[in-house]
């Protein structure tokens, strides 16, 4: 956590991949996880955008703004595809 931007806030984008209701449900789970993690860290979280799934389960996508100590530094490794393995 010694990078030039690690102490800054950030934005987190979540997009459901191909997979219908399972992908939308997984994206919703990720959103809840990041919201709860941010709350526990004492960060200020603001939902900039949220697209609810038409299937009635989960989300198509969301964009969060995160302000707090070392938010970028702690979340920068979260980039890329997250897969749910059952």
PDB file of N, CA and C in Angstrom:
ATOM      1  N   UNK A   1       0.824  -1.201   0.000  1.00  0.00           N
ATOM      2  CA  UNK A   1       0.000   0.000   0.000  1.00  0.00           C
ATOM      3  C   UNK A   1       0.862   1.255   0.000  1.00  0.00           C
ATOM      4  N   UNK A   2       1.889   1.216  -0.801  1.00  0.00           N
ATOM      5  CA  UNK A   2       2.795   2.357  -0.850  1.00  0.00           C
ATOM      6  C   UNK A   2       2.796   3.045  -2.209  1.00  0.00           C
ATOM      7  N   UNK A   3       1.855   2.673  -3.075  1.00  0.00           N
ATOM      8  CA  UNK A   3       1.772   3.289  -4.394  1.00  0.00           C
ATOM      9  C   UNK A   3       1.273   4.722  -4.306  1.00  0.00           C
ATOM     10  N   UNK A   4       1.468   5.493  -5.369  1.00  0.00           N
ATOM     11  CA  UNK A   4       1.090   6.907  -5.339  1.00  0.00           C
ATOM     12  C   UNK A   4      -0.415   7.150  -5.195  1.00  0.00           C
ATOM     13  N   UNK A   5      -1.246   6.196  -5.596  1.00  0.00           N
ATOM     14  CA  UNK A   5      -2.693   6.377  -5.530  1.00  0.00           C
ATOM     15  C   UNK A   5      -3.365   5.496  -4.476  1.00  0.00           C
ATOM     16  N   UNK A   6      -2.603   4.696  -3.774  1.00  0.00           N
ATOM     17  CA  UNK A   6      -3.175   3.727  -2.843  1.00  0.00           C
ATOM     18  C   UNK A   6      -4.003   4.353  -1.725  1.00  0.00           C
ATOM     19  N   UNK A   7      -3.705   5.561  -1.334  1.00  0.00           N
ATOM     20  CA  UNK A   7      -4.451   6.215  -0.251  1.00  0.00           C
ATOM     21  C   UNK A   7      -5.745   6.860  -0.738  1.00  0.00           C
ATOM     22  N   UNK A   8      -5.964   6.868  -2.058  1.00  0.00           N
ATOM     23  CA  UNK A   8      -7.123   7.562  -2.648  1.00  0.00           C
ATOM     24  C   UNK A   8      -8.375   6.693  -2.655  1.00  0.00           C
ATOM     25  N   UNK A   9      -9.489   7.332  -2.983  1.00  0.00           N
ATOM     26  CA  UNK A   9     -10.735   6.626  -3.219  1.00  0.00           C
ATOM     27  C   UNK A   9     -10.715   6.014  -4.608  1.00  0.00           C
ATOM     28  N   UNK A  10     -11.820   5.358  -4.976  1.00  0.00           N
ATOM     29  CA  UNK A  10     -11.881   4.708  -6.281  1.00  0.00           C
ATOM     30  C   UNK A  10     -13.332   4.466  -6.684  1.00  0.00           C
ATOM     31  N   UNK A  11     -13.491   3.896  -7.853  1.00  0.00           N
ATOM     32  CA  UNK A  11     -14.794   3.445  -8.331  1.00  0.00           C
ATOM     33  C   UNK A  11     -14.701   1.955  -8.611  1.00  0.00           C
ATOM     34  N   UNK A  12     -15.780   1.257  -8.321  1.00  0.00           N
ATOM     35  CA  UNK A  12     -15.855  -0.177  -8.564  1.00  0.00           C
ATOM     36  C   UNK A  12     -17.003  -0.421  -9.528  1.00  0.00           C
ATOM     37  N   UNK A  13     -16.699  -1.043 -10.664  1.00  0.00           N
ATOM     38  CA  UNK A  13     -17.716  -1.378 -11.661  1.00  0.00           C
ATOM     39  C   UNK A  13     -17.939  -2.881 -11.644  1.00  0.00           C
ATOM     40  N   UNK A  14     -19.208  -3.274 -11.613  1.00  0.00           N
ATOM     41  CA  UNK A  14     -19.583  -4.686 -11.635  1.00  0.00           C
ATOM     42  C   UNK A  14     -20.499  -4.888 -12.833  1.00  0.00           C
ATOM     43  N   UNK A  15     -20.186  -5.884 -13.663  1.00  0.00           N
ATOM     44  CA  UNK A  15     -20.991  -6.196 -14.833  1.00  0.00           C
ATOM     45  C   UNK A  15     -21.233  -7.695 -14.862  1.00  0.00           C
ATOM     46  N   UNK A  16     -22.497  -8.094 -14.979  1.00  0.00           N
ATOM     47  CA  UNK A  16     -22.822  -9.514 -15.073  1.00  0.00           C
ATOM     48  C   UNK A  16     -22.356 -10.040 -16.427  1.00  0.00           C
ATOM     49  N   UNK A  17     -21.735 -11.185 -16.432  1.00  0.00           N
ATOM     50  CA  UNK A  17     -21.281 -11.795 -17.677  1.00  0.00           C
ATOM     51  C   UNK A  17     -22.388 -12.603 -18.325  1.00  0.00           C
ATOM     52  N   UNK A  18     -22.029 -13.369 -19.337  1.00  0.00           N
ATOM     53  CA  UNK A  18     -22.985 -14.254 -19.996  1.00  0.00           C
ATOM     54  C   UNK A  18     -23.356 -15.361 -19.014  1.00  0.00           C
ATOM     55  N   UNK A  19     -24.603 -15.733 -18.997  1.00  0.00           N
ATOM     56  CA  UNK A  19     -25.007 -16.787 -18.079  1.00  0.00           C
ATOM     57  C   UNK A  19     -26.384 -16.591 -17.497  1.00  0.00           C
ATOM     58  N   UNK A  20     -27.112 -15.594 -17.982  1.00  0.00           N
ATOM     59  CA  UNK A  20     -28.497 -15.402 -17.568  1.00  0.00           C
ATOM     60  C   UNK A  20     -28.661 -15.096 -16.099  1.00  0.00           C
ATOM     61  N   UNK A  21     -29.613 -15.797 -15.469  1.00  0.00           N
ATOM     62  CA  UNK A  21     -29.943 -15.497 -14.079  1.00  0.00           C
ATOM     63  C   UNK A  21     -28.794 -15.812 -13.126  1.00  0.00           C
ATOM     64  N   UNK A  22     -28.017 -16.847 -13.424  1.00  0.00           N
ATOM     65  CA  UNK A  22     -26.873 -17.174 -12.559  1.00  0.00           C
ATOM     66  C   UNK A  22     -25.854 -16.041 -12.546  1.00  0.00           C
ATOM     67  N   UNK A  23     -25.571 -15.468 -13.720  1.00  0.00           N
ATOM     68  CA  UNK A  23     -24.607 -14.369 -13.806  1.00  0.00           C
ATOM     69  C   UNK A  23     -25.135 -13.127 -13.101  1.00  0.00           C
ATOM     70  N   UNK A  24     -26.426 -12.836 -13.269  1.00  0.00           N
ATOM     71  CA  UNK A  24     -27.031 -11.673 -12.613  1.00  0.00           C
ATOM     72  C   UNK A  24     -27.041 -11.840 -11.100  1.00  0.00           C
ATOM     73  N   UNK A  25     -27.361 -13.043 -10.654  1.00  0.00           N
ATOM     74  CA  UNK A  25     -27.371 -13.330  -9.223  1.00  0.00           C
ATOM     75  C   UNK A  25     -25.963 -13.182  -8.641  1.00  0.00           C
ATOM     76  N   UNK A  26     -24.950 -13.687  -9.343  1.00  0.00           N
ATOM     77  CA  UNK A  26     -23.564 -13.582  -8.894  1.00  0.00           C
ATOM     78  C   UNK A  26     -23.124 -12.124  -8.830  1.00  0.00           C
ATOM     79  N   UNK A  27     -23.500 -11.321  -9.825  1.00  0.00           N
ATOM     80  CA  UNK A  27     -23.157  -9.892  -9.807  1.00  0.00           C
ATOM     81  C   UNK A  27     -23.804  -9.209  -8.604  1.00  0.00           C
ATOM     82  N   UNK A  28     -25.037  -9.589  -8.274  1.00  0.00           N
ATOM     83  CA  UNK A  28     -25.706  -9.045  -7.094  1.00  0.00           C
ATOM     84  C   UNK A  28     -24.994  -9.425  -5.806  1.00  0.00           C
ATOM     85  N   UNK A  29     -24.510 -10.665  -5.740  1.00  0.00           N
ATOM     86  CA  UNK A  29     -23.754 -11.109  -4.564  1.00  0.00           C
ATOM     87  C   UNK A  29     -22.464 -10.306  -4.416  1.00  0.00           C
ATOM     88  N   UNK A  30     -21.777 -10.070  -5.535  1.00  0.00           N
ATOM     89  CA  UNK A  30     -20.549  -9.274  -5.486  1.00  0.00           C
ATOM     90  C   UNK A  30     -20.830  -7.855  -5.008  1.00  0.00           C
ATOM     91  N   UNK A  31     -21.910  -7.259  -5.501  1.00  0.00           N
ATOM     92  CA  UNK A  31     -22.270  -5.906  -5.076  1.00  0.00           C
ATOM     93  C   UNK A  31     -22.502  -5.859  -3.569  1.00  0.00           C
ATOM     94  N   UNK A  32     -23.274  -6.798  -3.042  1.00  0.00           N
ATOM     95  CA  UNK A  32     -23.520  -6.849  -1.592  1.00  0.00           C
ATOM     96  C   UNK A  32     -22.218  -7.028  -0.818  1.00  0.00           C
ATOM     97  N   UNK A  33     -21.330  -7.872  -1.335  1.00  0.00           N
ATOM     98  CA  UNK A  33     -20.056  -8.107  -0.664  1.00  0.00           C
ATOM     99  C   UNK A  33     -19.228  -6.824  -0.585  1.00  0.00           C
ATOM    100  N   UNK A  34     -19.120  -6.099  -1.693  1.00  0.00           N
ATOM    101  CA  UNK A  34     -18.341  -4.856  -1.691  1.00  0.00           C
ATOM    102  C   UNK A  34     -18.989  -3.796  -0.809  1.00  0.00           C
ATOM    103  N   UNK A  35     -20.311  -3.720  -0.800  1.00  0.00           N
ATOM    104  CA  UNK A  35     -20.995  -2.751   0.060  1.00  0.00           C
ATOM    105  C   UNK A  35     -20.729  -3.050   1.531  1.00  0.00           C
ATOM    106  N   UNK A  36     -20.843  -4.298   1.917  1.00  0.00           N
ATOM    107  CA  UNK A  36     -20.613  -4.676   3.318  1.00  0.00           C
ATOM    108  C   UNK A  36     -19.154  -4.497   3.718  1.00  0.00           C
ATOM    109  N   UNK A  37     -18.250  -4.832   2.833  1.00  0.00           N
ATOM    110  CA  UNK A  37     -16.821  -4.642   3.109  1.00  0.00           C
ATOM    111  C   UNK A  37     -16.522  -3.161   3.327  1.00  0.00           C
ATOM    112  N   UNK A  38     -17.056  -2.320   2.456  1.00  0.00           N
ATOM    113  CA  UNK A  38     -16.846  -0.880   2.587  1.00  0.00           C
ATOM    114  C   UNK A  38     -17.419  -0.320   3.875  1.00  0.00           C
ATOM    115  N   UNK A  39     -18.594  -0.806   4.259  1.00  0.00           N
ATOM    116  CA  UNK A  39     -19.205  -0.356   5.515  1.00  0.00           C
ATOM    117  C   UNK A  39     -18.334  -0.741   6.705  1.00  0.00           C
ATOM    118  N   UNK A  40     -17.805  -1.958   6.694  1.00  0.00           N
ATOM    119  CA  UNK A  40     -16.947  -2.406   7.795  1.00  0.00           C
ATOM    120  C   UNK A  40     -15.650  -1.610   7.877  1.00  0.00           C
ATOM    121  N   UNK A  41     -15.160  -1.158   6.726  1.00  0.00           N
ATOM    122  CA  UNK A  41     -13.941  -0.349   6.701  1.00  0.00           C
ATOM    123  C   UNK A  41     -14.218   1.103   7.075  1.00  0.00           C
ATOM    124  N   UNK A  42     -15.499   1.477   7.165  1.00  0.00           N
ATOM    125  CA  UNK A  42     -15.847   2.851   7.495  1.00  0.00           C
ATOM    126  C   UNK A  42     -15.774   3.796   6.307  1.00  0.00           C
ATOM    127  N   UNK A  43     -15.819   3.252   5.093  1.00  0.00           N
ATOM    128  CA  UNK A  43     -15.750   4.058   3.887  1.00  0.00           C
ATOM    129  C   UNK A  43     -17.113   4.648   3.546  1.00  0.00           C
ATOM    130  N   UNK A  44     -17.098   5.741   2.807  1.00  0.00           N
ATOM    131  CA  UNK A  44     -18.323   6.341   2.286  1.00  0.00           C
ATOM    132  C   UNK A  44     -18.572   5.727   0.907  1.00  0.00           C
ATOM    133  N   UNK A  45     -19.717   5.081   0.737  1.00  0.00           N
ATOM    134  CA  UNK A  45     -20.064   4.405  -0.511  1.00  0.00           C
ATOM    135  C   UNK A  45     -21.252   5.104  -1.157  1.00  0.00           C
ATOM    136  N   UNK A  46     -21.141   5.326  -2.448  1.00  0.00           N
ATOM    137  CA  UNK A  46     -22.240   5.971  -3.166  1.00  0.00           C
ATOM    138  C   UNK A  46     -22.500   5.186  -4.445  1.00  0.00           C
ATOM    139  N   UNK A  47     -23.758   4.765  -4.634  1.00  0.00           N
ATOM    140  CA  UNK A  47     -24.148   4.035  -5.828  1.00  0.00           C
ATOM    141  C   UNK A  47     -24.364   5.052  -6.946  1.00  0.00           C
ATOM    142  N   UNK A  48     -23.502   5.032  -7.943  1.00  0.00           N
ATOM    143  CA  UNK A  48     -23.629   5.958  -9.062  1.00  0.00           C
ATOM    144  C   UNK A  48     -24.580   5.428 -10.123  1.00  0.00           C
ATOM    145  N   UNK A  49     -24.626   4.113 -10.239  1.00  0.00           N
ATOM    146  CA  UNK A  49     -25.458   3.490 -11.266  1.00  0.00           C
ATOM    147  C   UNK A  49     -25.789   2.068 -10.839  1.00  0.00           C
ATOM    148  N   UNK A  50     -27.018   1.637 -11.118  1.00  0.00           N
ATOM    149  CA  UNK A  50     -27.406   0.253 -10.832  1.00  0.00           C
ATOM    150  C   UNK A  50     -28.441  -0.170 -11.856  1.00  0.00           C
ATOM    151  N   UNK A  51     -28.162  -1.253 -12.563  1.00  0.00           N
ATOM    152  CA  UNK A  51     -29.078  -1.798 -13.555  1.00  0.00           C
ATOM    153  C   UNK A  51     -29.618  -3.123 -13.029  1.00  0.00           C
ATOM    154  N   UNK A  52     -30.905  -3.131 -12.720  1.00  0.00           N
ATOM    155  CA  UNK A  52     -31.543  -4.333 -12.185  1.00  0.00           C
ATOM    156  C   UNK A  52     -31.777  -5.322 -13.321  1.00  0.00           C
ATOM    157  N   UNK A  53     -31.611  -6.583 -13.047  1.00  0.00           N
ATOM    158  CA  UNK A  53     -31.811  -7.629 -14.041  1.00  0.00           C
ATOM    159  C   UNK A  53     -33.280  -7.754 -14.411  1.00  0.00           C
ATOM    160  N   UNK A  54     -33.554  -8.011 -15.672  1.00  0.00           N
ATOM    161  CA  UNK A  54     -34.939  -8.200 -16.125  1.00  0.00           C
ATOM    162  C   UNK A  54     -35.487  -9.558 -15.698  1.00  0.00           C
ATOM    163  N   UNK A  55     -34.610 -10.488 -15.322  1.00  0.00           N
ATOM    164  CA  UNK A  55     -35.055 -11.808 -14.866  1.00  0.00           C
ATOM    165  C   UNK A  55     -35.592 -11.776 -13.440  1.00  0.00           C
ATOM    166  N   UNK A  56     -35.411 -10.653 -12.751  1.00  0.00           N
ATOM    167  CA  UNK A  56     -35.915 -10.523 -11.389  1.00  0.00           C
ATOM    168  C   UNK A  56     -34.941 -10.983 -10.319  1.00  0.00           C
ATOM    169  N   UNK A  57     -33.775 -11.442 -10.726  1.00  0.00           N
ATOM    170  CA  UNK A  57     -32.770 -11.911  -9.774  1.00  0.00           C
ATOM    171  C   UNK A  57     -31.466 -11.172 -10.050  1.00  0.00           C
ATOM    172  N   UNK A  58     -30.889 -10.569  -9.037  1.00  0.00           N
ATOM    173  CA  UNK A  58     -29.580  -9.943  -9.187  1.00  0.00           C
ATOM    174  C   UNK A  58     -29.588  -8.655  -9.978  1.00  0.00           C
ATOM    175  N   UNK A  59     -28.426  -8.335 -10.554  1.00  0.00           N
ATOM    176  CA  UNK A  59     -28.244  -7.081 -11.284  1.00  0.00           C
ATOM    177  C   UNK A  59     -27.522  -7.340 -12.603  1.00  0.00           C
ATOM    178  N   UNK A  60     -27.730  -6.448 -13.560  1.00  0.00           N
ATOM    179  CA  UNK A  60     -26.952  -6.483 -14.803  1.00  0.00           C
ATOM    180  C   UNK A  60     -25.614  -5.790 -14.599  1.00  0.00           C
ATOM    181  N   UNK A  61     -25.626  -4.721 -13.782  1.00  0.00           N
ATOM    182  CA  UNK A  61     -24.395  -3.992 -13.536  1.00  0.00           C
ATOM    183  C   UNK A  61     -24.576  -2.936 -12.474  1.00  0.00           C
ATOM    184  N   UNK A  62     -23.456  -2.436 -11.967  1.00  0.00           N
ATOM    185  CA  UNK A  62     -23.480  -1.380 -10.954  1.00  0.00           C
ATOM    186  C   UNK A  62     -22.149  -0.642 -10.980  1.00  0.00           C
ATOM    187  N   UNK A  63     -22.198   0.613 -10.548  1.00  0.00           N
ATOM    188  CA  UNK A  63     -20.997   1.430 -10.419  1.00  0.00           C
ATOM    189  C   UNK A  63     -21.026   2.093  -9.056  1.00  0.00           C
ATOM    190  N   UNK A  64     -20.015   1.804  -8.241  1.00  0.00           N
ATOM    191  CA  UNK A  64     -19.898   2.350  -6.889  1.00  0.00           C
ATOM    192  C   UNK A  64     -18.759   3.351  -6.822  1.00  0.00           C
ATOM    193  N   UNK A  65     -18.983   4.428  -6.090  1.00  0.00           N
ATOM    194  CA  UNK A  65     -17.904   5.353  -5.771  1.00  0.00           C
ATOM    195  C   UNK A  65     -17.522   5.098  -4.321  1.00  0.00           C
ATOM    196  N   UNK A  66     -16.242   4.889  -4.082  1.00  0.00           N
ATOM    197  CA  UNK A  66     -15.751   4.542  -2.753  1.00  0.00           C
ATOM    198  C   UNK A  66     -14.781   5.625  -2.292  1.00  0.00           C
ATOM    199  N   UNK A  67     -15.089   6.235  -1.160  1.00  0.00           N
ATOM    200  CA  UNK A  67     -14.205   7.234  -0.569  1.00  0.00           C
ATOM    201  C   UNK A  67     -13.803   6.751   0.815  1.00  0.00           C
ATOM    202  N   UNK A  68     -12.517   6.681   1.047  1.00  0.00           N
ATOM    203  CA  UNK A  68     -12.051   6.251   2.355  1.00  0.00           C
ATOM    204  C   UNK A  68     -10.572   5.950   2.331  1.00  0.00           C
ATOM    205  N   UNK A  69     -10.045   5.753   3.516  1.00  0.00           N
ATOM    206  CA  UNK A  69      -8.613   5.524   3.668  1.00  0.00           C
ATOM    207  C   UNK A  69      -8.169   4.254   2.954  1.00  0.00           C
ATOM    208  N   UNK A  70      -7.257   4.401   2.026  1.00  0.00           N
ATOM    209  CA  UNK A  70      -6.642   3.298   1.280  1.00  0.00           C
ATOM    210  C   UNK A  70      -7.638   2.464   0.474  1.00  0.00           C
ATOM    211  N   UNK A  71      -8.750   3.061   0.064  1.00  0.00           N
ATOM    212  CA  UNK A  71      -9.756   2.322  -0.702  1.00  0.00           C
ATOM    213  C   UNK A  71      -9.166   1.779  -2.001  1.00  0.00           C
ATOM    214  N   UNK A  72      -8.491   2.628  -2.751  1.00  0.00           N
ATOM    215  CA  UNK A  72      -7.900   2.167  -4.014  1.00  0.00           C
ATOM    216  C   UNK A  72      -6.851   1.088  -3.774  1.00  0.00           C
ATOM    217  N   UNK A  73      -6.002   1.310  -2.814  1.00  0.00           N
ATOM    218  CA  UNK A  73      -4.938   0.351  -2.531  1.00  0.00           C
ATOM    219  C   UNK A  73      -5.460  -1.027  -2.170  1.00  0.00           C
ATOM    220  N   UNK A  74      -6.558  -1.069  -1.434  1.00  0.00           N
ATOM    221  CA  UNK A  74      -7.113  -2.356  -1.013  1.00  0.00           C
ATOM    222  C   UNK A  74      -7.987  -3.006  -2.084  1.00  0.00           C
ATOM    223  N   UNK A  75      -8.544  -2.216  -2.992  1.00  0.00           N
ATOM    224  CA  UNK A  75      -9.453  -2.769  -4.000  1.00  0.00           C
ATOM    225  C   UNK A  75      -8.832  -2.936  -5.382  1.00  0.00           C
ATOM    226  N   UNK A  76      -7.651  -2.397  -5.619  1.00  0.00           N
ATOM    227  CA  UNK A  76      -7.081  -2.443  -6.970  1.00  0.00           C
ATOM    228  C   UNK A  76      -6.824  -3.870  -7.461  1.00  0.00           C
ATOM    229  N   UNK A  77      -6.596  -4.793  -6.572  1.00  0.00           N
ATOM    230  CA  UNK A  77      -6.353  -6.180  -6.974  1.00  0.00           C
ATOM    231  C   UNK A  77      -7.644  -6.924  -7.322  1.00  0.00           C
ATOM    232  N   UNK A  78      -8.780  -6.286  -7.148  1.00  0.00           N
ATOM    233  CA  UNK A  78     -10.067  -6.918  -7.435  1.00  0.00           C
ATOM    234  C   UNK A  78     -10.446  -6.855  -8.910  1.00  0.00           C
ATOM    235  N   UNK A  79      -9.578  -6.306  -9.751  1.00  0.00           N
ATOM    236  CA  UNK A  79      -9.898  -6.188 -11.172  1.00  0.00           C
ATOM    237  C   UNK A  79      -9.979  -7.557 -11.832  1.00  0.00           C
ATOM    238  N   UNK A  80     -10.704  -7.626 -12.930  1.00  0.00           N
ATOM    239  CA  UNK A  80     -10.784  -8.863 -13.692  1.00  0.00           C
ATOM    240  C   UNK A  80     -12.066  -9.627 -13.430  1.00  0.00           C
ATOM    241  N   UNK A  81     -12.127 -10.798 -14.014  1.00  0.00           N
ATOM    242  CA  UNK A  81     -13.312 -11.645 -13.925  1.00  0.00           C
ATOM    243  C   UNK A  81     -13.334 -12.402 -12.605  1.00  0.00           C
ATOM    244  N   UNK A  82     -14.487 -12.398 -11.966  1.00  0.00           N
ATOM    245  CA  UNK A  82     -14.707 -13.162 -10.733  1.00  0.00           C
ATOM    246  C   UNK A  82     -15.674 -14.296 -11.074  1.00  0.00           C
ATOM    247  N   UNK A  83     -15.276 -15.506 -10.819  1.00  0.00           N
ATOM    248  CA  UNK A  83     -16.111 -16.664 -11.160  1.00  0.00           C
ATOM    249  C   UNK A  83     -16.613 -17.339  -9.888  1.00  0.00           C
ATOM    250  N   UNK A  84     -17.870 -17.769  -9.951  1.00  0.00           N
ATOM    251  CA  UNK A  84     -18.465 -18.528  -8.854  1.00  0.00           C
ATOM    252  C   UNK A  84     -18.290 -20.007  -9.172  1.00  0.00           C
ATOM    253  N   UNK A  85     -17.597 -20.725  -8.319  1.00  0.00           N
ATOM    254  CA  UNK A  85     -17.372 -22.150  -8.514  1.00  0.00           C
ATOM    255  C   UNK A  85     -18.256 -22.894  -7.530  1.00  0.00           C
ATOM    256  N   UNK A  86     -19.081 -23.759  -8.063  1.00  0.00           N
ATOM    257  CA  UNK A  86     -19.998 -24.528  -7.200  1.00  0.00           C
ATOM    258  C   UNK A  86     -19.555 -25.957  -7.087  1.00  0.00           C
TER     259      UNK A  86
END
